[in-house]
N, C-alpha and C. Protein backbone atom coordinates (compact mmCIF):
# COMPACT_ATOMS: atom_id res chain seq x y z
N MET A 1 13.97 -8.19 15.81
CA MET A 1 12.25 -8.46 16.03
C MET A 1 12.30 -9.67 16.43
N ASP A 2 11.64 -10.09 17.79
CA ASP A 2 11.49 -11.57 18.05
C ASP A 2 10.21 -12.30 17.06
N VAL A 3 10.54 -13.72 17.34
CA VAL A 3 9.83 -14.79 15.98
C VAL A 3 8.14 -14.35 16.57
N VAL A 4 7.75 -13.81 17.84
CA VAL A 4 5.99 -13.64 17.78
C VAL A 4 5.70 -12.56 16.90
N LYS A 5 6.55 -11.47 17.08
CA LYS A 5 6.21 -10.22 16.06
C LYS A 5 5.99 -10.50 14.51
N VAL A 6 7.34 -11.22 14.42
CA VAL A 6 7.62 -11.51 12.98
C VAL A 6 6.68 -12.30 12.33
N MET A 7 6.16 -13.33 13.03
CA MET A 7 5.02 -14.15 12.73
C MET A 7 3.52 -13.77 12.43
N ARG A 8 3.80 -12.95 13.77
CA ARG A 8 2.25 -11.78 13.68
C ARG A 8 2.38 -10.66 12.40
N TYR A 9 3.19 -10.14 12.35
CA TYR A 9 3.33 -9.14 11.10
C TYR A 9 3.31 -9.66 9.24
N LYS A 10 4.63 -10.97 9.62
CA LYS A 10 4.90 -11.27 8.27
C LYS A 10 4.14 -12.82 7.73
N PHE A 11 3.79 -13.64 8.68
CA PHE A 11 3.03 -14.58 8.21
C PHE A 11 2.03 -14.39 7.08
N THR A 12 0.96 -13.77 7.04
CA THR A 12 0.01 -13.42 6.19
C THR A 12 0.87 -12.74 4.86
N ARG A 13 1.18 -11.62 4.97
CA ARG A 13 2.00 -10.52 4.19
C ARG A 13 3.27 -11.18 3.57
N TYR A 14 4.03 -11.99 3.88
CA TYR A 14 4.87 -12.56 3.11
C TYR A 14 4.91 -14.02 3.17
N CYS A 15 4.78 -14.85 4.01
CA CYS A 15 4.61 -16.56 4.07
C CYS A 15 3.40 -16.99 2.94
N VAL A 16 2.01 -16.55 3.59
CA VAL A 16 1.35 -17.18 2.83
C VAL A 16 0.73 -16.05 1.47
N ASN A 17 0.67 -14.74 1.25
CA ASN A 17 0.42 -13.92 0.24
C ASN A 17 1.34 -14.17 -0.87
N ARG A 18 2.58 -14.44 -0.69
CA ARG A 18 3.58 -14.60 -1.58
C ARG A 18 3.60 -16.11 -2.10
N ALA A 19 3.12 -17.12 -1.40
CA ALA A 19 3.25 -18.28 -1.97
C ALA A 19 1.69 -18.35 -2.78
N TYR A 20 0.46 -17.59 -2.38
CA TYR A 20 -0.55 -18.05 -3.05
C TYR A 20 -0.38 -17.31 -4.69
N ALA A 21 0.84 -16.17 -4.52
CA ALA A 21 0.91 -15.28 -5.87
C ALA A 21 1.81 -16.35 -6.60
N THR A 22 2.07 -17.36 -6.07
CA THR A 22 3.21 -17.62 -7.20
C THR A 22 2.46 -19.20 -7.48
N MET A 23 1.46 -18.96 -7.01
CA MET A 23 0.68 -20.59 -7.28
C MET A 23 0.34 -20.74 -8.84
N ASP A 24 0.41 -21.89 -9.43
CA ASP A 24 -0.13 -22.00 -11.36
C ASP A 24 -1.17 -22.55 -10.74
N LEU A 25 -2.17 -22.01 -11.21
CA LEU A 25 -3.74 -22.29 -10.63
C LEU A 25 -4.59 -22.74 -12.33
N GLN A 26 -3.78 -22.68 -13.25
CA GLN A 26 -4.19 -23.07 -14.73
C GLN A 26 -4.73 -24.31 -14.57
N GLY A 27 -6.07 -24.72 -14.90
CA GLY A 27 -5.96 -25.95 -15.14
C GLY A 27 -6.93 -26.68 -13.79
N ILE A 28 -6.93 -25.83 -12.97
CA ILE A 28 -7.57 -26.20 -11.62
C ILE A 28 -9.39 -25.53 -11.69
N PRO A 29 -10.02 -26.96 -11.58
CA PRO A 29 -11.44 -26.52 -11.97
C PRO A 29 -12.36 -25.03 -10.86
N ALA A 30 -12.97 -24.77 -11.29
CA ALA A 30 -13.65 -23.54 -10.85
C ALA A 30 -14.04 -23.77 -9.03
N GLU A 31 -14.45 -25.07 -9.02
CA GLU A 31 -15.20 -25.61 -7.44
C GLU A 31 -13.94 -25.52 -6.44
N VAL A 32 -12.83 -26.06 -7.02
CA VAL A 32 -11.61 -26.64 -6.38
C VAL A 32 -10.73 -25.25 -6.08
N LEU A 33 -11.11 -23.88 -6.90
CA LEU A 33 -10.26 -22.69 -7.07
C LEU A 33 -10.89 -22.03 -5.92
N ASN A 34 -12.67 -22.07 -5.93
CA ASN A 34 -12.98 -21.33 -4.80
C ASN A 34 -13.12 -21.81 -3.51
N VAL A 35 -13.33 -23.22 -3.38
CA VAL A 35 -12.58 -23.82 -2.15
C VAL A 35 -11.16 -23.41 -1.52
N PHE A 36 -9.95 -23.60 -2.46
CA PHE A 36 -8.68 -22.92 -2.14
C PHE A 36 -8.70 -21.30 -1.75
N ASP A 37 -9.64 -20.41 -2.20
CA ASP A 37 -9.60 -19.21 -2.23
C ASP A 37 -10.19 -19.05 -0.62
N ASP A 38 -11.13 -19.83 -0.47
CA ASP A 38 -11.85 -20.10 0.94
C ASP A 38 -10.62 -20.26 2.09
N VAL A 39 -9.96 -21.12 1.71
CA VAL A 39 -9.03 -21.70 2.83
C VAL A 39 -7.97 -20.71 2.96
N VAL A 40 -7.78 -20.19 2.04
CA VAL A 40 -6.25 -19.12 2.22
C VAL A 40 -7.01 -17.84 2.66
N ASN A 41 -8.24 -17.54 2.66
CA ASN A 41 -8.70 -16.45 3.45
C ASN A 41 -8.65 -16.80 5.12
N GLN A 42 -8.88 -17.85 5.51
CA GLN A 42 -8.98 -18.58 6.82
C GLN A 42 -7.83 -18.80 7.21
N ILE A 43 -6.77 -18.88 6.37
CA ILE A 43 -5.47 -19.18 6.91
C ILE A 43 -4.90 -17.72 7.03
N ARG A 44 -5.26 -16.86 6.67
CA ARG A 44 -4.51 -15.33 6.45
C ARG A 44 -5.16 -14.99 7.95
N ASP A 45 -6.85 -15.39 8.27
CA ASP A 45 -7.02 -15.01 9.23
C ASP A 45 -6.66 -15.49 10.66
N LEU A 46 -5.32 -16.65 10.51
CA LEU A 46 -4.96 -17.19 11.67
C LEU A 46 -3.79 -16.05 12.26
N GLU A 47 -3.51 -15.30 11.63
CA GLU A 47 -2.38 -14.26 12.22
C GLU A 47 -2.84 -13.72 13.44
N LYS A 48 -4.27 -13.25 13.55
CA LYS A 48 -4.49 -12.69 14.72
C LYS A 48 -4.13 -13.03 15.68
N TYR A 49 -4.09 -14.51 15.90
CA TYR A 49 -3.83 -15.48 17.06
C TYR A 49 -2.71 -15.38 17.39
N PHE A 50 -1.52 -15.22 16.70
CA PHE A 50 -0.29 -15.33 17.14
C PHE A 50 0.15 -13.90 18.24
N THR A 51 -0.06 -14.29 19.39
CA THR A 51 -0.11 -13.56 20.35
C THR A 51 1.24 -13.99 21.10
N SER A 52 1.64 -15.22 21.32
CA SER A 52 2.73 -16.08 22.33
C SER A 52 3.34 -16.92 21.41
N LEU A 53 4.56 -17.45 21.68
CA LEU A 53 5.04 -18.81 21.13
C LEU A 53 4.17 -19.94 21.51
N GLU A 54 3.58 -20.33 22.37
CA GLU A 54 2.69 -21.31 22.52
C GLU A 54 1.54 -20.98 21.32
N SER A 55 0.89 -19.81 21.30
CA SER A 55 -0.07 -19.71 20.46
C SER A 55 0.11 -19.88 18.95
N ILE A 56 1.09 -19.64 18.70
CA ILE A 56 1.64 -19.86 17.27
C ILE A 56 1.77 -21.26 16.89
N ILE A 57 2.51 -22.08 18.24
CA ILE A 57 2.45 -23.51 18.03
C ILE A 57 1.27 -24.20 18.04
N LYS A 58 -0.14 -23.72 18.56
CA LYS A 58 -1.14 -24.38 18.64
C LYS A 58 -1.80 -23.87 17.07
N VAL A 59 -1.63 -23.08 16.75
CA VAL A 59 -2.18 -22.85 15.27
C VAL A 59 -1.53 -23.58 14.40
N LEU A 60 0.24 -23.59 14.32
CA LEU A 60 0.42 -24.66 13.43
C LEU A 60 0.09 -25.92 13.59
N ARG A 61 0.29 -26.45 14.58
CA ARG A 61 -0.41 -27.83 14.66
C ARG A 61 -2.01 -28.39 15.05
N VAL A 62 -2.60 -27.31 15.15
CA VAL A 62 -4.20 -27.48 15.48
C VAL A 62 -4.72 -26.74 14.45
N ASP A 63 -5.02 -25.75 14.63
CA ASP A 63 -5.94 -24.81 13.63
C ASP A 63 -5.52 -24.71 11.95
N LEU A 64 -4.27 -24.58 11.88
CA LEU A 64 -3.81 -24.61 10.57
C LEU A 64 -4.18 -25.97 9.43
N PRO A 65 -3.89 -27.20 10.36
CA PRO A 65 -4.36 -28.74 9.95
C PRO A 65 -5.78 -28.71 9.47
N GLU A 66 -6.62 -28.02 10.76
CA GLU A 66 -8.29 -27.98 10.58
C GLU A 66 -8.41 -27.08 9.41
N LYS A 67 -7.72 -25.97 9.02
CA LYS A 67 -8.39 -25.19 8.03
C LYS A 67 -8.20 -25.94 6.69
N LEU A 68 -6.99 -26.48 6.62
CA LEU A 68 -6.58 -27.56 5.22
C LEU A 68 -7.31 -28.61 4.79
N LYS A 69 -7.64 -29.58 5.59
CA LYS A 69 -8.44 -30.43 5.34
C LYS A 69 -9.28 -30.95 4.30
N ILE A 70 -10.21 -29.65 4.18
CA ILE A 70 -11.16 -29.30 3.05
C ILE A 70 -10.22 -29.40 1.52
N LEU A 71 -9.35 -28.74 1.86
CA LEU A 71 -8.56 -28.75 0.41
C LEU A 71 -8.02 -30.16 0.20
N LYS A 72 -7.80 -30.63 1.27
CA LYS A 72 -6.76 -31.85 1.25
C LYS A 72 -7.75 -33.06 0.52
N ASP A 73 -9.10 -32.87 0.96
CA ASP A 73 -10.25 -33.59 0.28
C ASP A 73 -10.07 -33.44 -0.93
N ARG A 74 -10.04 -32.24 -1.76
CA ARG A 74 -10.35 -31.77 -2.95
C ARG A 74 -9.24 -31.61 -3.85
N ASP A 75 -7.91 -31.47 -3.29
CA ASP A 75 -6.67 -31.38 -4.41
C ASP A 75 -5.43 -31.37 -3.59
N PRO A 76 -5.06 -33.19 -3.02
CA PRO A 76 -4.11 -32.92 -2.47
C PRO A 76 -2.74 -32.37 -2.97
N ALA A 77 -2.26 -32.43 -4.26
CA ALA A 77 -1.51 -31.96 -4.73
C ALA A 77 -1.21 -30.14 -4.74
N LEU A 78 -2.42 -29.69 -4.66
CA LEU A 78 -2.50 -28.69 -4.53
C LEU A 78 -1.99 -28.18 -3.48
N LEU A 79 -2.77 -28.40 -2.44
CA LEU A 79 -2.52 -28.45 -0.97
C LEU A 79 -1.22 -28.73 -0.38
N LYS A 80 -0.51 -29.44 -0.63
CA LYS A 80 1.05 -29.78 -0.89
C LYS A 80 1.94 -28.83 -1.19
N SER A 81 1.71 -28.25 -2.39
CA SER A 81 2.44 -27.24 -3.14
C SER A 81 2.28 -26.12 -2.29
N PHE A 82 1.18 -25.62 -2.04
CA PHE A 82 0.86 -24.67 -1.53
C PHE A 82 1.61 -24.31 -0.30
N VAL A 83 1.60 -25.17 0.71
CA VAL A 83 2.02 -25.38 2.34
C VAL A 83 3.47 -25.44 1.86
N LYS A 84 4.22 -26.23 0.71
CA LYS A 84 5.23 -26.40 1.12
C LYS A 84 5.85 -24.78 0.62
N LYS A 85 5.39 -24.15 -0.24
CA LYS A 85 5.47 -22.85 -0.44
C LYS A 85 5.28 -21.89 0.69
N ILE A 86 4.25 -21.81 1.44
CA ILE A 86 4.49 -21.17 2.55
C ILE A 86 5.44 -21.62 3.75
N VAL A 87 5.46 -22.55 3.91
CA VAL A 87 6.51 -22.97 4.60
C VAL A 87 8.33 -22.21 4.22
N GLU A 88 8.70 -22.71 2.96
CA GLU A 88 9.85 -21.97 2.39
C GLU A 88 9.78 -20.59 2.91
N ASN A 89 8.89 -19.78 2.17
CA ASN A 89 8.61 -18.37 2.57
C ASN A 89 9.23 -17.97 4.12
N CYS A 90 8.43 -18.65 4.89
CA CYS A 90 8.48 -18.36 6.22
C CYS A 90 10.07 -18.67 6.67
N LEU A 91 10.78 -19.99 6.47
CA LEU A 91 11.81 -20.46 6.36
C LEU A 91 13.31 -19.33 5.74
N GLU A 92 12.62 -18.36 5.21
CA GLU A 92 13.58 -17.45 4.44
C GLU A 92 13.81 -16.10 5.68
N LEU A 93 12.70 -16.11 6.42
CA LEU A 93 13.01 -15.21 7.32
C LEU A 93 13.91 -15.67 8.38
N ASP A 94 14.85 -14.86 8.69
CA ASP A 94 16.03 -15.14 9.77
C ASP A 94 15.54 -15.84 11.03
N GLU A 95 14.40 -14.79 11.75
CA GLU A 95 14.05 -14.96 13.33
C GLU A 95 13.04 -16.23 13.02
N ILE A 96 12.88 -16.88 11.94
CA ILE A 96 12.11 -18.24 11.97
C ILE A 96 12.99 -19.29 12.10
N THR A 97 13.83 -18.96 11.02
CA THR A 97 15.09 -20.20 10.67
C THR A 97 15.79 -20.20 12.46
N ASN A 98 15.90 -19.12 13.17
CA ASN A 98 16.42 -19.49 14.16
C ASN A 98 15.62 -19.60 15.28
N SER A 99 14.73 -20.24 15.09
CA SER A 99 13.62 -20.28 16.29
C SER A 99 13.03 -21.67 16.51
N LYS A 100 12.31 -22.19 17.37
CA LYS A 100 11.68 -23.19 17.34
C LYS A 100 10.42 -23.57 16.30
N ILE A 101 10.08 -22.08 16.06
CA ILE A 101 8.80 -22.17 15.14
C ILE A 101 9.21 -22.92 13.72
N LYS A 102 10.60 -23.06 13.40
CA LYS A 102 10.86 -23.91 12.10
C LYS A 102 10.64 -25.09 12.47
N GLU A 103 10.86 -25.99 13.45
CA GLU A 103 10.66 -27.42 13.62
C GLU A 103 9.32 -27.73 13.54
N TYR A 104 8.24 -26.77 13.95
CA TYR A 104 6.78 -27.07 13.54
C TYR A 104 6.19 -26.84 12.15
N LEU A 105 7.39 -25.83 11.52
CA LEU A 105 6.93 -25.56 10.42
C LEU A 105 7.24 -26.75 9.61
N GLU A 106 8.57 -27.21 9.75
CA GLU A 106 8.75 -28.24 8.96
C GLU A 106 7.95 -29.61 9.16
N GLU A 107 7.25 -29.92 10.81
CA GLU A 107 6.34 -30.86 10.91
C GLU A 107 5.09 -30.61 10.03
N LEU A 108 4.86 -29.65 10.06
CA LEU A 108 3.53 -29.04 9.01
C LEU A 108 3.72 -29.82 7.69
N LEU A 109 4.71 -29.66 7.04
CA LEU A 109 5.11 -30.10 5.89
C LEU A 109 5.21 -31.23 5.72
N ARG A 110 5.86 -32.19 6.44
CA ARG A 110 5.90 -33.42 6.72
C ARG A 110 4.44 -34.24 6.89
N SER A 111 3.65 -33.58 7.40
CA SER A 111 2.20 -34.10 7.98
C SER A 111 1.22 -34.11 6.65
N LEU A 112 1.71 -33.68 5.54
CA LEU A 112 0.73 -33.75 4.22
C LEU A 112 0.85 -34.77 3.67
């Protein structure tokens, strides 16, 4: 399977949902949790824009960081932990590890 198809069909299901499921959210204020849930839902919706390598790169470089800004303002540690888990999950996929997308995921992580 090529990297575009993998990102289109596994980004939300494998990378994002798995990261969300493993987050320790105990002790996080309800207001922050609501913001976090909203951001996660917005990130899940980005998958539909993965139609080409260029579109994936745009989403990872522009759209995703834009969606993450509000969470960064509320709880930077929660954001960093969540994004780290997303990137780690994506890098477990062979098609991602052996593609250009890997660089952009790592760039996203460094930008936090």
